């Protein structure tokens, strides 16, 4: 999956959702941050479909 640096994404975990900002990709690891801090989703994890990421439109 391709992400755009600085863009906001809605992350749907199935039972809840949250908004995070994409920072960078390095070695198949996608770094995001939200109010709780930084976290990583690997490309491999994202292809499993356990979470759904949708880019939010910027106004």
C-alpha atoms as a PDB file:
ATOM      1  CA  UNK A   1       0.000   0.000   0.000  1.00  0.00           C
ATOM      2  CA  UNK A   2       1.242   3.483  -0.824  1.00  0.00           C
ATOM      3  CA  UNK A   3       0.840   6.268   1.728  1.00  0.00           C
ATOM      4  CA  UNK A   4       1.390  10.003   1.361  1.00  0.00           C
ATOM      5  CA  UNK A   5       3.672  11.646   3.911  1.00  0.00           C
ATOM      6  CA  UNK A   6       1.814  14.050   6.207  1.00  0.00           C
ATOM      7  CA  UNK A   7      -1.633  12.788   5.196  1.00  0.00           C
ATOM      8  CA  UNK A   8      -4.241  11.655   7.701  1.00  0.00           C
ATOM      9  CA  UNK A   9      -5.709   8.155   7.585  1.00  0.00           C
ATOM     10  CA  UNK A  10      -8.725   6.595   9.255  1.00  0.00           C
ATOM     11  CA  UNK A  11      -7.664   3.244  10.691  1.00  0.00           C
ATOM     12  CA  UNK A  12     -10.535   0.803  11.174  1.00  0.00           C
ATOM     13  CA  UNK A  13      -9.714  -2.002  13.602  1.00  0.00           C
ATOM     14  CA  UNK A  14     -13.164  -3.577  13.292  1.00  0.00           C
ATOM     15  CA  UNK A  15     -14.383  -2.749  16.805  1.00  0.00           C
ATOM     16  CA  UNK A  16     -13.109   0.854  16.788  1.00  0.00           C
ATOM     17  CA  UNK A  17     -11.457   3.412  14.521  1.00  0.00           C
ATOM     18  CA  UNK A  18      -8.920   6.187  14.990  1.00  0.00           C
ATOM     19  CA  UNK A  19      -7.184   8.843  12.922  1.00  0.00           C
ATOM     20  CA  UNK A  20      -3.407   8.871  12.458  1.00  0.00           C
ATOM     21  CA  UNK A  21      -0.890  10.768  10.358  1.00  0.00           C
ATOM     22  CA  UNK A  22       1.539   8.950   8.087  1.00  0.00           C
ATOM     23  CA  UNK A  23       5.227   9.753   8.621  1.00  0.00           C
ATOM     24  CA  UNK A  24       7.373   7.466   6.430  1.00  0.00           C
ATOM     25  CA  UNK A  25       8.011   3.983   5.059  1.00  0.00           C
ATOM     26  CA  UNK A  26      11.288   2.181   5.586  1.00  0.00           C
ATOM     27  CA  UNK A  27      12.049  -1.469   4.807  1.00  0.00           C
ATOM     28  CA  UNK A  28       8.355  -2.376   4.493  1.00  0.00           C
ATOM     29  CA  UNK A  29       7.445  -0.703   7.796  1.00  0.00           C
ATOM     30  CA  UNK A  30       4.963   2.168   7.714  1.00  0.00           C
ATOM     31  CA  UNK A  31       5.326   4.692  10.541  1.00  0.00           C
ATOM     32  CA  UNK A  32       2.259   6.596  11.764  1.00  0.00           C
ATOM     33  CA  UNK A  33       1.525   8.772  14.768  1.00  0.00           C
ATOM     34  CA  UNK A  34      -1.595   9.768  16.673  1.00  0.00           C
ATOM     35  CA  UNK A  35      -2.413  11.224  20.100  1.00  0.00           C
ATOM     36  CA  UNK A  36      -0.945   8.125  21.784  1.00  0.00           C
ATOM     37  CA  UNK A  37       2.404   8.349  19.969  1.00  0.00           C
ATOM     38  CA  UNK A  38       4.139   6.548  17.108  1.00  0.00           C
ATOM     39  CA  UNK A  39       3.318   3.069  15.820  1.00  0.00           C
ATOM     40  CA  UNK A  40       4.182   0.874  12.842  1.00  0.00           C
ATOM     41  CA  UNK A  41       2.183  -1.309  10.461  1.00  0.00           C
ATOM     42  CA  UNK A  42       4.268  -3.632   8.303  1.00  0.00           C
ATOM     43  CA  UNK A  43       3.298  -4.171   4.671  1.00  0.00           C
ATOM     44  CA  UNK A  44       2.875  -7.866   5.497  1.00  0.00           C
ATOM     45  CA  UNK A  45       0.396  -7.103   8.306  1.00  0.00           C
ATOM     46  CA  UNK A  46      -1.610  -4.716   6.117  1.00  0.00           C
ATOM     47  CA  UNK A  47      -1.987  -7.318   3.346  1.00  0.00           C
ATOM     48  CA  UNK A  48      -3.716  -9.611   5.879  1.00  0.00           C
ATOM     49  CA  UNK A  49      -6.680  -7.191   5.979  1.00  0.00           C
ATOM     50  CA  UNK A  50      -6.939  -7.134   9.787  1.00  0.00           C
ATOM     51  CA  UNK A  51      -7.158  -3.344   9.703  1.00  0.00           C
ATOM     52  CA  UNK A  52      -8.475  -1.085   6.957  1.00  0.00           C
ATOM     53  CA  UNK A  53      -6.794   2.252   6.249  1.00  0.00           C
ATOM     54  CA  UNK A  54      -8.541   5.014   4.319  1.00  0.00           C
ATOM     55  CA  UNK A  55      -6.983   8.333   3.452  1.00  0.00           C
ATOM     56  CA  UNK A  56      -9.007  11.280   4.715  1.00  0.00           C
ATOM     57  CA  UNK A  57      -9.736  14.154   2.381  1.00  0.00           C
ATOM     58  CA  UNK A  58      -7.928  17.340   3.304  1.00  0.00           C
ATOM     59  CA  UNK A  59      -9.852  20.588   3.384  1.00  0.00           C
END
